[in-house]
């Protein structure tokens, strides 16, 4: 039976070093520089957010959890997913069947068939969007997690092992020097040699890991291009859907305005450009009438008709331009932007 005493000794020293660190018994622990720590933190954020992003996009592409599970199982089994009709196509088939039952020559039956055919086209457009988003966004990000990120995790684990070996070797040399008079010269030279070797292996692994961490810049650039592809796919899908629905509206003879509003023409109202302000500090709302904002946000100031912005007002009502959320914020948290001429 072969038993490698050196390897066993290395494992024992590594385990001893790890245990002592966890118990707080180690003072001289090798620390990474601030730049390397920042690279590690960015890698952790990249991994966490990429996982969350792919999960949420997957939910958007397929809201039905059972369908996602079935697709996941088929992928693991290396089988192609069945080309099932999606919800738009199912609705389209139902409308066509109903229209044929009522009679294609009837007004209602004819309209149902046209709507059914329209929803079948919408279903096809949605499938094309899913396929485009999967190829342009989901697959590259998942490949990054399964490839580059897994390799980086492996190298980081190896680096931690090399650090434990280095600190264990330092501890061993330190103890040898403390009892120098009782330690043979050969053993002292052995501890020095072990320390130099451990330092060399640690430095080499540190450089490998640093290079992989620096490579995340390229990954972020690639992910940005994938994000742009996703937006283009969404835009194409919605444009196609609007065109299909516009064609249906024309086939059904519907006017653009279906409201039964009064025929009296209304006087166009001139909408003034809202007064804006920039948030100076983060503010957390303390009641339902207030609004939480973040520093550097640009918000609109809400004023009633003919109301002027008072210099003595303690609170100012604002509105976020995109979410349209409204609420009060202390005036001191806002820098009122000057009106453009």
Protein backbone atom coordinates (compact mmCIF):
# COMPACT_ATOMS: atom_id res chain seq x y z
CA UNK A 1 0.00 0.00 0.00
CA UNK A 2 1.55 3.31 -1.12
CA UNK A 3 1.29 6.12 1.40
CA UNK A 4 2.71 9.55 0.54
CA UNK A 5 3.92 11.02 3.84
CA UNK A 6 4.72 14.38 2.28
CA UNK A 7 1.25 14.77 0.80
CA UNK A 8 -0.34 13.69 4.06
CA UNK A 9 1.82 16.19 5.94
CA UNK A 10 0.77 18.97 3.56
CA UNK A 11 -2.91 18.16 4.03
CA UNK A 12 -2.47 18.07 7.79
CA UNK A 13 -0.65 21.44 7.86
CA UNK A 14 -3.31 22.96 5.60
CA UNK A 15 -6.15 21.67 7.76
CA UNK A 16 -4.38 22.83 10.93
CA UNK A 17 -3.87 26.31 9.47
CA UNK A 18 -7.50 26.54 8.36
CA UNK A 19 -8.79 25.41 11.77
CA UNK A 20 -6.60 27.86 13.66
CA UNK A 21 -7.78 30.72 11.42
CA UNK A 22 -11.41 29.83 12.03
CA UNK A 23 -10.75 29.72 15.79
CA UNK A 24 -9.01 33.09 15.68
CA UNK A 25 -5.67 31.69 16.79
CA UNK A 26 -3.72 33.06 13.80
CA UNK A 27 -2.28 36.57 13.86
CA UNK A 28 -0.06 36.69 10.75
CA UNK A 29 -2.42 35.82 7.92
CA UNK A 30 -1.50 36.63 4.33
CA UNK A 31 -3.78 39.42 3.13
CA UNK A 32 -4.50 40.47 -0.44
CA UNK A 33 -4.00 44.06 -1.54
CA UNK A 34 -6.98 46.42 -1.82
CA UNK A 35 -7.09 46.25 -5.62
CA UNK A 36 -7.23 42.45 -5.56
CA UNK A 37 -9.97 42.51 -2.90
CA UNK A 38 -11.98 44.86 -5.11
CA UNK A 39 -11.54 42.51 -8.06
CA UNK A 40 -12.79 39.61 -5.92
CA UNK A 41 -15.81 41.61 -4.77
CA UNK A 42 -16.64 42.58 -8.36
CA UNK A 43 -16.41 38.95 -9.42
CA UNK A 44 -18.85 37.96 -6.68
CA UNK A 45 -21.27 40.71 -7.75
CA UNK A 46 -20.93 39.68 -11.39
CA UNK A 47 -21.77 36.08 -10.61
CA UNK A 48 -24.73 36.94 -8.36
CA UNK A 49 -26.28 39.48 -10.73
CA UNK A 50 -25.75 37.35 -13.84
CA UNK A 51 -27.57 34.49 -12.13
CA UNK A 52 -30.44 36.78 -11.10
CA UNK A 53 -30.66 38.43 -14.52
CA UNK A 54 -30.83 35.14 -16.40
CA UNK A 55 -33.42 33.86 -13.94
CA UNK A 56 -35.68 36.90 -14.40
CA UNK A 57 -35.31 37.00 -18.18
CA UNK A 58 -36.12 33.28 -18.25
CA UNK A 59 -39.29 34.04 -16.28
CA UNK A 60 -40.26 36.76 -18.77
CA UNK A 61 -39.68 34.48 -21.74
CA UNK A 62 -41.64 31.64 -20.14
CA UNK A 63 -43.91 32.78 -17.26
CA UNK A 64 -45.28 29.26 -16.70
CA UNK A 65 -43.05 27.54 -14.09
CA UNK A 66 -44.18 24.08 -15.22
CA UNK A 67 -43.16 24.82 -18.80
CA UNK A 68 -39.77 26.09 -17.58
CA UNK A 69 -39.29 22.92 -15.54
CA UNK A 70 -40.18 20.72 -18.51
CA UNK A 71 -37.78 22.63 -20.76
CA UNK A 72 -35.04 22.34 -18.12
CA UNK A 73 -35.52 18.57 -17.82
CA UNK A 74 -35.52 18.07 -21.59
CA UNK A 75 -32.33 20.15 -21.84
CA UNK A 76 -30.63 18.02 -19.17
CA UNK A 77 -31.72 14.89 -21.00
CA UNK A 78 -30.32 16.35 -24.22
CA UNK A 79 -33.72 16.26 -25.90
CA UNK A 80 -35.36 18.97 -27.94
CA UNK A 81 -38.37 20.66 -26.42
CA UNK A 82 -41.68 19.89 -28.06
CA UNK A 83 -42.98 22.59 -30.39
CA UNK A 84 -46.08 23.26 -28.33
CA UNK A 85 -48.50 26.06 -29.21
CA UNK A 86 -48.08 28.98 -26.84
CA UNK A 87 -50.92 30.87 -25.15
CA UNK A 88 -51.43 33.20 -28.13
CA UNK A 89 -51.63 30.32 -30.58
CA UNK A 90 -53.99 28.39 -28.30
CA UNK A 91 -56.29 31.42 -28.15
CA UNK A 92 -56.02 31.76 -31.92
CA UNK A 93 -57.04 28.11 -32.50
CA UNK A 94 -59.97 28.54 -30.11
CA UNK A 95 -61.19 31.67 -31.89
CA UNK A 96 -60.93 30.04 -35.32
CA UNK A 97 -62.88 26.98 -34.15
CA UNK A 98 -65.56 29.18 -32.63
CA UNK A 99 -65.76 31.30 -35.77
CA UNK A 100 -66.13 28.23 -37.99
CA UNK A 101 -68.82 26.87 -35.69
CA UNK A 102 -70.80 30.12 -35.79
CA UNK A 103 -70.27 30.32 -39.53
CA UNK A 104 -67.58 32.15 -41.50
CA UNK A 105 -70.31 33.95 -43.42
CA UNK A 106 -71.70 35.57 -40.25
CA UNK A 107 -70.24 38.86 -39.06
CA UNK A 108 -69.30 37.49 -35.64
CA UNK A 109 -67.90 34.23 -37.02
CA UNK A 110 -65.82 36.07 -39.59
CA UNK A 111 -64.45 38.44 -36.94
CA UNK A 112 -63.53 35.52 -34.69
CA UNK A 113 -61.63 33.81 -37.48
CA UNK A 114 -59.72 37.01 -38.30
CA UNK A 115 -58.86 37.50 -34.62
CA UNK A 116 -57.81 33.86 -34.37
CA UNK A 117 -55.51 34.15 -37.35
CA UNK A 118 -54.07 37.35 -35.85
CA UNK A 119 -53.31 35.65 -32.53
CA UNK A 120 -51.64 32.78 -34.31
CA UNK A 121 -49.33 35.35 -35.91
CA UNK A 122 -48.75 36.92 -32.49
CA UNK A 123 -47.86 33.50 -31.14
CA UNK A 124 -45.36 32.95 -33.93
CA UNK A 125 -43.83 36.38 -33.31
CA UNK A 126 -43.51 35.57 -29.61
CA UNK A 127 -41.76 32.28 -30.40
CA UNK A 128 -39.32 34.11 -32.66
CA UNK A 129 -38.66 36.61 -29.85
CA UNK A 130 -38.01 33.81 -27.35
CA UNK A 131 -35.61 32.11 -29.76
CA UNK A 132 -33.80 35.37 -30.52
CA UNK A 133 -33.52 36.30 -26.83
CA UNK A 134 -32.31 32.82 -25.94
CA UNK A 135 -29.57 32.87 -28.57
CA UNK A 136 -28.54 36.49 -28.13
CA UNK A 137 -28.80 36.86 -24.35
CA UNK A 138 -29.57 33.74 -22.33
CA UNK A 139 -27.09 31.32 -23.89
CA UNK A 140 -24.06 33.66 -23.72
CA UNK A 141 -24.69 34.56 -20.08
CA UNK A 142 -25.32 30.96 -19.05
CA UNK A 143 -22.20 29.89 -20.94
CA UNK A 144 -20.29 32.53 -18.99
CA UNK A 145 -21.57 31.12 -15.70
CA UNK A 146 -20.86 27.51 -16.71
CA UNK A 147 -17.48 28.29 -18.25
CA UNK A 148 -15.50 31.36 -17.27
CA UNK A 149 -17.11 31.83 -13.86
CA UNK A 150 -16.66 28.17 -12.90
CA UNK A 151 -13.01 28.32 -13.97
CA UNK A 152 -12.53 31.48 -11.94
CA UNK A 153 -14.14 29.86 -8.90
CA UNK A 154 -11.79 26.90 -9.28
CA UNK A 155 -8.73 29.17 -9.49
CA UNK A 156 -9.89 31.15 -6.45
CA UNK A 157 -10.26 27.91 -4.51
CA UNK A 158 -6.75 26.87 -5.56
CA UNK A 159 -5.42 30.28 -4.52
CA UNK A 160 -6.93 29.90 -1.07
CA UNK A 161 -5.26 26.49 -0.75
CA UNK A 162 -1.91 27.99 -1.76
CA UNK A 163 -2.40 30.76 0.79
CA UNK A 164 -3.06 28.23 3.53
CA UNK A 165 0.09 26.35 2.52
CA UNK A 166 2.10 29.58 2.58
CA UNK A 167 0.85 30.64 6.00
CA UNK A 168 1.41 27.14 7.36
CA UNK A 169 4.99 27.21 6.07
CA UNK A 170 5.56 30.62 7.65
CA UNK A 171 4.19 29.38 10.93
CA UNK A 172 6.43 26.34 10.77
CA UNK A 173 9.52 28.47 10.08
CA UNK A 174 8.61 30.87 12.87
CA UNK A 175 8.37 28.03 15.36
CA UNK A 176 11.68 26.62 14.10
CA UNK A 177 13.42 29.95 14.71
CA UNK A 178 11.91 30.26 18.20
CA UNK A 179 13.48 26.91 19.14
CA UNK A 180 16.54 27.32 16.96
CA UNK A 181 18.96 25.87 19.52
CA UNK A 182 17.06 22.60 19.70
CA UNK A 183 16.37 22.21 15.98
CA UNK A 184 18.93 20.54 13.70
CA UNK A 185 20.31 22.67 10.85
CA UNK A 186 18.82 20.30 8.28
CA UNK A 187 15.31 20.82 9.64
CA UNK A 188 15.79 24.62 9.65
CA UNK A 189 16.97 24.52 6.01
CA UNK A 190 13.99 22.31 5.17
CA UNK A 191 11.53 24.83 6.61
CA UNK A 192 13.19 27.66 4.64
CA UNK A 193 13.01 25.65 1.44
CA UNK A 194 9.37 24.77 2.08
CA UNK A 195 8.55 28.44 2.67
CA UNK A 196 10.26 29.55 -0.56
CA UNK A 197 8.40 26.90 -2.54
CA UNK A 198 5.08 27.81 -0.95
CA UNK A 199 5.70 31.50 -1.67
CA UNK A 200 6.54 30.76 -5.32
CA UNK A 201 3.39 28.66 -5.81
CA UNK A 202 1.24 31.27 -4.08
CA UNK A 203 2.63 34.12 -6.20
CA UNK A 204 2.07 32.12 -9.38
CA UNK A 205 -1.52 31.26 -8.47
CA UNK A 206 -2.17 34.86 -7.38
CA UNK A 207 -1.09 36.10 -10.81
CA UNK A 208 -3.25 33.53 -12.61
CA UNK A 209 -6.29 34.50 -10.55
CA UNK A 210 -5.62 38.22 -11.03
CA UNK A 211 -5.48 37.79 -14.81
CA UNK A 212 -8.81 35.98 -14.79
CA UNK A 213 -10.34 38.66 -12.59
CA UNK A 214 -9.08 41.38 -14.93
CA UNK A 215 -10.70 39.47 -17.79
CA UNK A 216 -14.13 40.26 -16.34
CA UNK A 217 -13.89 43.66 -18.08
CA UNK A 218 -14.11 41.85 -21.40
CA UNK A 219 -16.99 39.74 -20.06
CA UNK A 220 -18.90 42.85 -19.04
CA UNK A 221 -18.38 44.28 -22.52
CA UNK A 222 -19.72 41.07 -24.06
CA UNK A 223 -22.70 41.08 -21.70
CA UNK A 224 -23.43 44.67 -22.72
CA UNK A 225 -23.62 43.61 -26.36
CA UNK A 226 -25.92 40.74 -25.36
CA UNK A 227 -28.14 43.21 -23.50
CA UNK A 228 -28.33 45.39 -26.60
CA UNK A 229 -29.33 42.33 -28.63
CA UNK A 230 -32.09 41.59 -26.11
CA UNK A 231 -33.47 45.12 -26.43
CA UNK A 232 -33.38 44.88 -30.23
CA UNK A 233 -35.23 41.56 -30.07
CA UNK A 234 -37.88 43.05 -27.80
CA UNK A 235 -38.26 46.08 -30.06
CA UNK A 236 -38.63 43.90 -33.14
CA UNK A 237 -41.19 41.70 -31.38
CA UNK A 238 -43.34 44.61 -30.25
CA UNK A 239 -43.15 46.31 -33.63
CA UNK A 240 -44.24 43.10 -35.32
CA UNK A 241 -47.07 42.65 -32.80
CA UNK A 242 -48.30 46.22 -33.34
CA UNK A 243 -48.26 45.73 -37.11
CA UNK A 244 -50.26 42.50 -36.83
CA UNK A 245 -52.85 44.19 -34.60
CA UNK A 246 -53.03 47.25 -36.88
CA UNK A 247 -53.76 44.96 -39.84
CA UNK A 248 -56.46 43.21 -37.79
CA UNK A 249 -58.01 46.54 -36.86
CA UNK A 250 -58.24 47.47 -40.55
CA UNK A 251 -59.74 44.08 -41.44
CA UNK A 252 -62.40 44.53 -38.77
CA UNK A 253 -63.11 48.06 -39.97
CA UNK A 254 -62.38 49.62 -36.59
CA UNK A 255 -61.60 53.31 -36.36
CA UNK A 256 -58.57 54.55 -34.51
CA UNK A 257 -60.72 56.23 -31.90
CA UNK A 258 -63.32 53.91 -30.34
CA UNK A 259 -64.40 56.32 -27.60
CA UNK A 260 -67.91 57.80 -27.50
CA UNK A 261 -66.68 61.22 -26.47
CA UNK A 262 -68.60 64.39 -27.24
CA UNK A 263 -68.28 65.81 -30.74
CA UNK A 264 -67.54 69.24 -29.29
CA UNK A 265 -63.89 69.89 -30.06
CA UNK A 266 -61.79 70.50 -27.02
CA UNK A 267 -59.40 73.40 -26.78
CA UNK A 268 -55.80 72.21 -26.88
CA UNK A 269 -54.09 72.83 -23.59
CA UNK A 270 -50.56 74.00 -23.59
CA UNK A 271 -48.48 71.80 -21.34
CA UNK A 272 -45.70 73.70 -19.66
CA UNK A 273 -42.33 72.13 -19.14
CA UNK A 274 -42.25 70.97 -15.50
CA UNK A 275 -39.84 72.57 -13.07
CA UNK A 276 -37.15 70.10 -12.07
CA UNK A 277 -34.89 69.55 -9.09
CA UNK A 278 -31.86 67.39 -8.32
CA UNK A 279 -31.81 65.29 -5.14
CA UNK A 280 -28.78 66.18 -3.00
CA UNK A 281 -29.00 63.35 -0.45
CA UNK A 282 -30.79 60.00 -0.07
CA UNK A 283 -34.12 60.39 1.71
CA UNK A 284 -36.31 57.63 3.20
CA UNK A 285 -40.03 58.42 3.44
CA UNK A 286 -41.40 58.45 6.98
CA UNK A 287 -45.11 58.24 6.04
CA UNK A 288 -47.36 57.48 3.07
CA UNK A 289 -47.44 61.16 2.00
CA UNK A 290 -43.68 61.27 1.54
CA UNK A 291 -41.51 59.76 -1.20
CA UNK A 292 -38.16 57.98 -0.90
CA UNK A 293 -35.51 59.31 -3.30
CA UNK A 294 -31.84 58.71 -4.02
CA UNK A 295 -29.05 61.22 -4.34
CA UNK A 296 -28.46 62.64 -7.87
CA UNK A 297 -31.99 61.73 -9.02
CA UNK A 298 -33.72 64.30 -11.21
CA UNK A 299 -37.38 64.83 -10.24
CA UNK A 300 -40.23 67.06 -11.32
CA UNK A 301 -41.71 69.62 -8.94
CA UNK A 302 -45.50 69.29 -8.70
CA UNK A 303 -47.42 72.56 -8.41
CA UNK A 304 -51.17 73.17 -8.56
CA UNK A 305 -52.60 75.50 -11.21
CA UNK A 306 -51.30 79.05 -10.79
CA UNK A 307 -49.28 77.92 -7.75
CA UNK A 308 -45.78 79.32 -7.38
CA UNK A 309 -42.81 77.69 -5.74
CA UNK A 310 -42.48 79.24 -2.31
CA UNK A 311 -39.07 79.88 -0.83
CA UNK A 312 -40.50 79.30 2.67
CA UNK A 313 -41.96 75.86 1.96
CA UNK A 314 -40.59 73.21 4.33
CA UNK A 315 -41.66 70.33 2.05
CA UNK A 316 -42.00 70.17 -1.72
CA UNK A 317 -44.20 67.72 -3.63
CA UNK A 318 -42.23 65.96 -6.36
CA UNK A 319 -42.83 63.33 -9.04
CA UNK A 320 -40.40 60.80 -10.46
CA UNK A 321 -40.49 61.28 -14.25
CA UNK A 322 -40.48 57.58 -15.17
CA UNK A 323 -42.43 55.79 -12.44
CA UNK A 324 -44.79 58.79 -11.89
CA UNK A 325 -44.57 58.23 -8.13
CA UNK A 326 -45.48 61.31 -6.14
CA UNK A 327 -44.79 62.43 -2.61
CA UNK A 328 -43.31 65.10 -0.38
CA UNK A 329 -39.61 65.60 0.28
CA UNK A 330 -37.96 68.15 2.61
CA UNK A 331 -36.83 71.17 0.62
CA UNK A 332 -33.33 70.90 2.08
CA UNK A 333 -32.83 67.61 0.23
CA UNK A 334 -33.43 69.25 -3.16
CA UNK A 335 -31.45 71.59 -5.37
CA UNK A 336 -33.96 73.48 -7.50
CA UNK A 337 -32.85 73.60 -11.12
CA UNK A 338 -32.95 76.96 -12.84
CA UNK A 339 -35.60 77.56 -15.46
CA UNK A 340 -34.35 77.50 -19.02
CA UNK A 341 -35.15 80.54 -21.10
